[in-house]
Amino acid sequence: MASAIVATLTSLKNRPRSQQLSLAAGVLAFVVALVALIGAVRGIDLSGVAAMDGQATPAQVQAEIAGLRAQTEKLAADLQSFQADLRTAAALPKDTKQALQQQQSQKLLKDLAERQERLEQIIVANPGKALELALLQRDLENLKAAQQQRLAAIGAAVERGYASTRWVLAGMAVSLLLLVAGTLLKGNAS
């Protein structure tokens, strides 16, 4: 194929001016189609992909959520520990069981009361923060869904551009081959 194109180009010097102009028009059409395709691909809207504005960044929200989850897990571990202590206390004699249970219960209640007080202080200091975390998490989920939709739309636009480019290039290649074949046939006929 490449040798046929090179042979055609070298034989163009001996061809009439109209054939040279028709080949130049084909090449110009190819360049115009390529420029139009590049312009269409550059026209894809990426404005929504920029970082979100707001009071807290997603990393900060995730860090706060992770902290709250850690506190919840610690409370769950403490509860399991308390349950294990109660099971071991069940095997002790009656008087020892009651004293141990009372100590463990008081210790656990004191610890839970302290934690509850800390959480209440945080909520009282900034009541919007308790609601803000849930809202921010929902906003993050919505933003993630929107970003996925944008990526899917961009992928579809690129695929459409790629498909149209293939058709344009195939049509131009066929046109160029027909032009070369016609030029060669006219050259052989004369």
C-alpha atoms as a PDB file:
ATOM      1  CA  MET A   1       0.000   0.000   0.000  1.00  0.00           C
ATOM      2  CA  ALA A   2       2.788   2.417   0.927  1.00  0.00           C
ATOM      3  CA  SER A   3       4.652   1.658  -2.280  1.00  0.00           C
ATOM      4  CA  ALA A   4       1.486   2.389  -4.291  1.00  0.00           C
ATOM      5  CA  ILE A   5       1.115   5.755  -2.577  1.00  0.00           C
ATOM      6  CA  VAL A   6       4.778   6.616  -3.181  1.00  0.00           C
ATOM      7  CA  ALA A   7       4.455   5.563  -6.824  1.00  0.00           C
ATOM      8  CA  THR A   8       1.326   7.684  -7.194  1.00  0.00           C
ATOM      9  CA  LEU A   9       2.990  10.711  -5.645  1.00  0.00           C
ATOM     10  CA  THR A  10       6.025  10.443  -7.915  1.00  0.00           C
ATOM     11  CA  SER A  11       3.779   9.966 -10.947  1.00  0.00           C
ATOM     12  CA  LEU A  12       1.787  13.096 -10.015  1.00  0.00           C
ATOM     13  CA  LYS A  13       4.575  15.269 -11.327  1.00  0.00           C
ATOM     14  CA  ASN A  14       3.783  13.991 -14.821  1.00  0.00           C
ATOM     15  CA  ARG A  15      -0.010  14.251 -14.417  1.00  0.00           C
ATOM     16  CA  PRO A  16      -2.179  17.141 -15.458  1.00  0.00           C
ATOM     17  CA  ARG A  17      -2.844  19.941 -13.044  1.00  0.00           C
ATOM     18  CA  SER A  18      -6.483  18.879 -12.457  1.00  0.00           C
ATOM     19  CA  GLN A  19      -5.401  15.519 -11.037  1.00  0.00           C
ATOM     20  CA  GLN A  20      -2.869  17.208  -8.791  1.00  0.00           C
ATOM     21  CA  LEU A  21      -5.576  19.584  -7.550  1.00  0.00           C
ATOM     22  CA  SER A  22      -8.038  16.745  -6.892  1.00  0.00           C
ATOM     23  CA  LEU A  23      -5.453  14.949  -4.764  1.00  0.00           C
ATOM     24  CA  ALA A  24      -4.707  18.177  -2.896  1.00  0.00           C
ATOM     25  CA  ALA A  25      -8.454  18.620  -2.303  1.00  0.00           C
ATOM     26  CA  GLY A  26      -8.652  15.085  -0.833  1.00  0.00           C
ATOM     27  CA  VAL A  27      -5.751  15.785   1.519  1.00  0.00           C
ATOM     28  CA  LEU A  28      -7.302  19.128   2.492  1.00  0.00           C
ATOM     29  CA  ALA A  29     -10.632  17.391   3.230  1.00  0.00           C
ATOM     30  CA  PHE A  30      -8.785  14.939   5.472  1.00  0.00           C
ATOM     31  CA  VAL A  31      -7.087  17.752   7.384  1.00  0.00           C
ATOM     32  CA  VAL A  32     -10.369  19.667   7.791  1.00  0.00           C
ATOM     33  CA  ALA A  33     -12.123  16.533   9.108  1.00  0.00           C
ATOM     34  CA  LEU A  34      -9.269  15.928  11.544  1.00  0.00           C
ATOM     35  CA  VAL A  35      -9.393  19.519  12.818  1.00  0.00           C
ATOM     36  CA  ALA A  36     -13.187  19.296  13.225  1.00  0.00           C
ATOM     37  CA  LEU A  37     -12.831  16.072  15.203  1.00  0.00           C
ATOM     38  CA  ILE A  38     -10.204  17.589  17.496  1.00  0.00           C
ATOM     39  CA  GLY A  39     -12.468  20.585  18.068  1.00  0.00           C
ATOM     40  CA  ALA A  40     -15.379  18.265  18.950  1.00  0.00           C
ATOM     41  CA  VAL A  41     -13.276  16.300  21.425  1.00  0.00           C
ATOM     42  CA  ARG A  42     -11.991  19.494  23.068  1.00  0.00           C
ATOM     43  CA  GLY A  43     -15.578  20.694  23.436  1.00  0.00           C
ATOM     44  CA  ILE A  44     -16.369  18.047  26.091  1.00  0.00           C
ATOM     45  CA  ASP A  45     -17.508  19.783  29.268  1.00  0.00           C
ATOM     46  CA  LEU A  46     -15.270  18.957  32.220  1.00  0.00           C
ATOM     47  CA  SER A  47     -16.370  21.889  34.387  1.00  0.00           C
ATOM     48  CA  GLY A  48     -18.082  19.725  36.995  1.00  0.00           C
ATOM     49  CA  VAL A  49     -14.967  17.664  37.653  1.00  0.00           C
ATOM     50  CA  ALA A  50     -13.283  20.434  39.675  1.00  0.00           C
ATOM     51  CA  ALA A  51     -12.890  20.105  43.447  1.00  0.00           C
ATOM     52  CA  MET A  52     -16.032  20.737  45.466  1.00  0.00           C
ATOM     53  CA  ASP A  53     -16.500  23.943  47.399  1.00  0.00           C
ATOM     54  CA  GLY A  54     -17.606  23.841  51.004  1.00  0.00           C
ATOM     55  CA  GLN A  55     -16.620  24.092  54.616  1.00  0.00           C
ATOM     56  CA  ALA A  56     -15.073  20.633  54.952  1.00  0.00           C
ATOM     57  CA  THR A  57     -13.091  18.622  52.465  1.00  0.00           C
ATOM     58  CA  PRO A  58     -14.034  15.010  51.791  1.00  0.00           C
ATOM     59  CA  ALA A  59     -10.840  13.893  53.521  1.00  0.00           C
ATOM     60  CA  GLN A  60     -11.807  15.781  56.681  1.00  0.00           C
ATOM     61  CA  VAL A  61     -15.305  14.318  56.643  1.00  0.00           C
ATOM     62  CA  GLN A  62     -13.918  10.835  56.126  1.00  0.00           C
ATOM     63  CA  ALA A  63     -11.475  11.372  59.009  1.00  0.00           C
ATOM     64  CA  GLU A  64     -14.308  12.470  61.324  1.00  0.00           C
ATOM     65  CA  ILE A  65     -16.446   9.529  60.264  1.00  0.00           C
ATOM     66  CA  ALA A  66     -13.509   7.184  60.867  1.00  0.00           C
ATOM     67  CA  GLY A  67     -13.031   8.708  64.333  1.00  0.00           C
ATOM     68  CA  LEU A  68     -16.683   8.198  65.218  1.00  0.00           C
ATOM     69  CA  ARG A  69     -16.538   4.636  63.925  1.00  0.00           C
ATOM     70  CA  ALA A  70     -13.450   3.996  66.058  1.00  0.00           C
ATOM     71  CA  GLN A  71     -15.270   5.314  69.137  1.00  0.00           C
ATOM     72  CA  THR A  72     -18.260   3.112  68.338  1.00  0.00           C
ATOM     73  CA  GLU A  73     -16.028   0.080  67.904  1.00  0.00           C
ATOM     74  CA  LYS A  74     -14.302   0.845  71.226  1.00  0.00           C
ATOM     75  CA  LEU A  75     -17.694   1.037  72.942  1.00  0.00           C
ATOM     76  CA  ALA A  76     -18.672  -2.290  71.392  1.00  0.00           C
ATOM     77  CA  ALA A  77     -15.393  -3.844  72.572  1.00  0.00           C
ATOM     78  CA  ASP A  78     -15.989  -2.489  76.088  1.00  0.00           C
ATOM     79  CA  LEU A  79     -19.482  -3.945  76.073  1.00  0.00           C
ATOM     80  CA  GLN A  80     -18.143  -7.342  75.005  1.00  0.00           C
ATOM     81  CA  SER A  81     -15.521  -7.119  77.756  1.00  0.00           C
ATOM     82  CA  PHE A  82     -18.237  -6.324  80.267  1.00  0.00           C
ATOM     83  CA  GLN A  83     -20.269  -9.302  79.090  1.00  0.00           C
ATOM     84  CA  ALA A  84     -17.221 -11.555  79.406  1.00  0.00           C
ATOM     85  CA  ASP A  85     -16.628 -10.271  82.955  1.00  0.00           C
ATOM     86  CA  LEU A  86     -20.247 -11.024  83.808  1.00  0.00           C
ATOM     87  CA  ARG A  87     -19.878 -14.575  82.504  1.00  0.00           C
ATOM     88  CA  THR A  88     -16.774 -15.142  84.624  1.00  0.00           C
ATOM     89  CA  ALA A  89     -18.522 -13.636  87.633  1.00  0.00           C
ATOM     90  CA  ALA A  90     -21.331 -16.156  87.268  1.00  0.00           C
ATOM     91  CA  ALA A  91     -18.913 -18.950  88.163  1.00  0.00           C
ATOM     92  CA  LEU A  92     -17.819 -17.319  91.475  1.00  0.00           C
ATOM     93  CA  PRO A  93     -19.473 -17.850  94.876  1.00  0.00           C
ATOM     94  CA  LYS A  94     -22.602 -15.826  95.571  1.00  0.00           C
ATOM     95  CA  ASP A  95     -21.041 -13.126  97.842  1.00  0.00           C
ATOM     96  CA  THR A  96     -18.003 -12.618  95.627  1.00  0.00           C
ATOM     97  CA  LYS A  97     -20.186 -12.521  92.531  1.00  0.00           C
ATOM     98  CA  GLN A  98     -22.320  -9.698  93.824  1.00  0.00           C
ATOM     99  CA  ALA A  99     -19.376  -7.574  94.949  1.00  0.00           C
ATOM    100  CA  LEU A 100     -17.542  -8.124  91.674  1.00  0.00           C
ATOM    101  CA  GLN A 101     -20.649  -7.429  89.644  1.00  0.00           C
ATOM    102  CA  GLN A 102     -21.290  -4.260  91.545  1.00  0.00           C
ATOM    103  CA  GLN A 103     -17.696  -3.036  91.003  1.00  0.00           C
ATOM    104  CA  GLN A 104     -17.751  -3.884  87.303  1.00  0.00           C
ATOM    105  CA  SER A 105     -21.166  -2.330  86.839  1.00  0.00           C
ATOM    106  CA  GLN A 106     -20.128   0.866  88.585  1.00  0.00           C
ATOM    107  CA  LYS A 107     -16.919   1.051  86.575  1.00  0.00           C
ATOM    108  CA  LEU A 108     -18.749   0.511  83.315  1.00  0.00           C
ATOM    109  CA  LEU A 109     -21.485   2.989  84.174  1.00  0.00           C
ATOM    110  CA  LYS A 110     -18.912   5.605  85.129  1.00  0.00           C
ATOM    111  CA  ASP A 111     -17.003   5.058  81.868  1.00  0.00           C
ATOM    112  CA  LEU A 112     -20.192   5.202  79.778  1.00  0.00           C
ATOM    113  CA  ALA A 113     -21.333   8.340  81.614  1.00  0.00           C
ATOM    114  CA  GLU A 114     -17.997  10.037  80.860  1.00  0.00           C
ATOM    115  CA  ARG A 115     -18.214   9.151  77.196  1.00  0.00           C
ATOM    116  CA  GLN A 116     -21.808  10.273  76.991  1.00  0.00           C
ATOM    117  CA  GLU A 117     -20.864  13.555  78.639  1.00  0.00           C
ATOM    118  CA  ARG A 118     -18.048  14.096  76.109  1.00  0.00           C
ATOM    119  CA  LEU A 119     -20.401  13.421  73.206  1.00  0.00           C
ATOM    120  CA  GLU A 120     -23.003  15.760  74.687  1.00  0.00           C
ATOM    121  CA  GLN A 121     -20.374  18.491  75.076  1.00  0.00           C
ATOM    122  CA  ILE A 122     -19.406  18.129  71.439  1.00  0.00           C
ATOM    123  CA  ILE A 123     -23.044  18.289  70.345  1.00  0.00           C
ATOM    124  CA  VAL A 124     -23.843  21.220  72.633  1.00  0.00           C
ATOM    125  CA  ALA A 125     -20.740  23.113  71.479  1.00  0.00           C
ATOM    126  CA  ASN A 126     -21.664  22.630  67.828  1.00  0.00           C
ATOM    127  CA  PRO A 127     -25.128  21.082  67.309  1.00  0.00           C
ATOM    128  CA  GLY A 128     -24.900  21.434  63.561  1.00  0.00           C
ATOM    129  CA  LYS A 129     -21.867  19.188  63.504  1.00  0.00           C
ATOM    130  CA  ALA A 130     -23.908  16.103  64.433  1.00  0.00           C
ATOM    131  CA  LEU A 131     -26.284  16.753  61.539  1.00  0.00           C
ATOM    132  CA  GLU A 132     -23.571  18.025  59.240  1.00  0.00           C
ATOM    133  CA  LEU A 133     -21.728  14.707  59.216  1.00  0.00           C
ATOM    134  CA  ALA A 134     -24.760  12.808  57.945  1.00  0.00           C
ATOM    135  CA  LEU A 135     -25.491  15.504  55.373  1.00  0.00           C
ATOM    136  CA  LEU A 136     -21.875  15.598  54.216  1.00  0.00           C
ATOM    137  CA  GLN A 137     -21.808  11.835  53.835  1.00  0.00           C
ATOM    138  CA  ARG A 138     -24.977  11.973  51.728  1.00  0.00           C
ATOM    139  CA  ASP A 139     -23.480  14.814  49.671  1.00  0.00           C
ATOM    140  CA  LEU A 140     -20.340  12.760  49.112  1.00  0.00           C
ATOM    141  CA  GLU A 141     -22.416   9.814  47.911  1.00  0.00           C
ATOM    142  CA  ASN A 142     -24.378  12.097  45.562  1.00  0.00           C
ATOM    143  CA  LEU A 143     -21.148  13.665  44.290  1.00  0.00           C
ATOM    144  CA  LYS A 144     -19.699  10.223  43.665  1.00  0.00           C
ATOM    145  CA  ALA A 145     -22.782   9.192  41.680  1.00  0.00           C
ATOM    146  CA  ALA A 146     -22.653  12.438  39.670  1.00  0.00           C
ATOM    147  CA  GLN A 147     -18.952  11.943  38.922  1.00  0.00           C
ATOM    148  CA  GLN A 148     -19.628   8.405  37.731  1.00  0.00           C
ATOM    149  CA  GLN A 149     -22.390   9.697  35.458  1.00  0.00           C
ATOM    150  CA  ARG A 150     -20.065  12.384  34.070  1.00  0.00           C
ATOM    151  CA  LEU A 151     -17.342   9.832  33.425  1.00  0.00           C
ATOM    152  CA  ALA A 152     -19.827   7.596  31.642  1.00  0.00           C
ATOM    153  CA  ALA A 153     -20.994  10.545  29.511  1.00  0.00           C
ATOM    154  CA  ILE A 154     -17.407  11.500  28.669  1.00  0.00           C
ATOM    155  CA  GLY A 155     -16.645   7.894  27.754  1.00  0.00           C
ATOM    156  CA  ALA A 156     -19.696   7.772  25.498  1.00  0.00           C
ATOM    157  CA  ALA A 157     -18.697  11.058  23.819  1.00  0.00           C
ATOM    158  CA  VAL A 158     -15.167   9.819  23.218  1.00  0.00           C
ATOM    159  CA  GLU A 159     -16.516   6.562  21.813  1.00  0.00           C
ATOM    160  CA  ARG A 160     -18.848   8.474  19.453  1.00  0.00           C
ATOM    161  CA  GLY A 161     -15.951  10.673  18.328  1.00  0.00           C
ATOM    162  CA  TYR A 162     -13.763   7.616  17.805  1.00  0.00           C
ATOM    163  CA  ALA A 163     -16.485   5.879  15.774  1.00  0.00           C
ATOM    164  CA  SER A 164     -17.098   8.937  13.596  1.00  0.00           C
ATOM    165  CA  THR A 165     -13.342   9.340  13.077  1.00  0.00           C
ATOM    166  CA  ARG A 166     -13.092   5.741  11.894  1.00  0.00           C
ATOM    167  CA  TRP A 167     -15.878   6.314   9.383  1.00  0.00           C
ATOM    168  CA  VAL A 168     -14.386   9.574   8.133  1.00  0.00           C
ATOM    169  CA  LEU A 169     -10.925   8.048   7.798  1.00  0.00           C
ATOM    170  CA  ALA A 170     -12.300   4.943   6.089  1.00  0.00           C
ATOM    171  CA  GLY A 171     -14.260   7.099   3.644  1.00  0.00           C
ATOM    172  CA  MET A 172     -11.236   9.237   2.916  1.00  0.00           C
ATOM    173  CA  ALA A 173      -9.049   6.160   2.447  1.00  0.00           C
ATOM    174  CA  VAL A 174     -11.558   4.674   0.020  1.00  0.00           C
ATOM    175  CA  SER A 175     -11.789   8.013  -1.809  1.00  0.00           C
ATOM    176  CA  LEU A 176      -8.016   8.258  -1.999  1.00  0.00           C
ATOM    177  CA  LEU A 177      -7.733   4.675  -3.268  1.00  0.00           C
ATOM    178  CA  LEU A 178     -10.412   5.298  -5.876  1.00  0.00           C
ATOM    179  CA  LEU A 179      -8.630   8.487  -6.910  1.00  0.00           C
ATOM    180  CA  VAL A 180      -5.323   6.657  -7.221  1.00  0.00           C
ATOM    181  CA  ALA A 181      -6.941   3.747  -9.075  1.00  0.00           C
ATOM    182  CA  GLY A 182      -8.709   6.143 -11.433  1.00  0.00           C
ATOM    183  CA  THR A 183      -5.500   8.046 -12.044  1.00  0.00           C
ATOM    184  CA  LEU A 184      -3.592   4.848 -12.745  1.00  0.00           C
ATOM    185  CA  LEU A 185      -6.315   3.518 -15.054  1.00  0.00           C
ATOM    186  CA  LYS A 186      -6.428   6.789 -16.994  1.00  0.00           C
ATOM    187  CA  GLY A 187      -2.637   6.753 -17.173  1.00  0.00           C
ATOM    188  CA  ASN A 188      -2.620   3.153 -18.494  1.00  0.00           C
ATOM    189  CA  ALA A 189      -5.394   3.936 -20.993  1.00  0.00           C
ATOM    190  CA  SER A 190      -3.529   6.852 -22.558  1.00  0.00           C
END
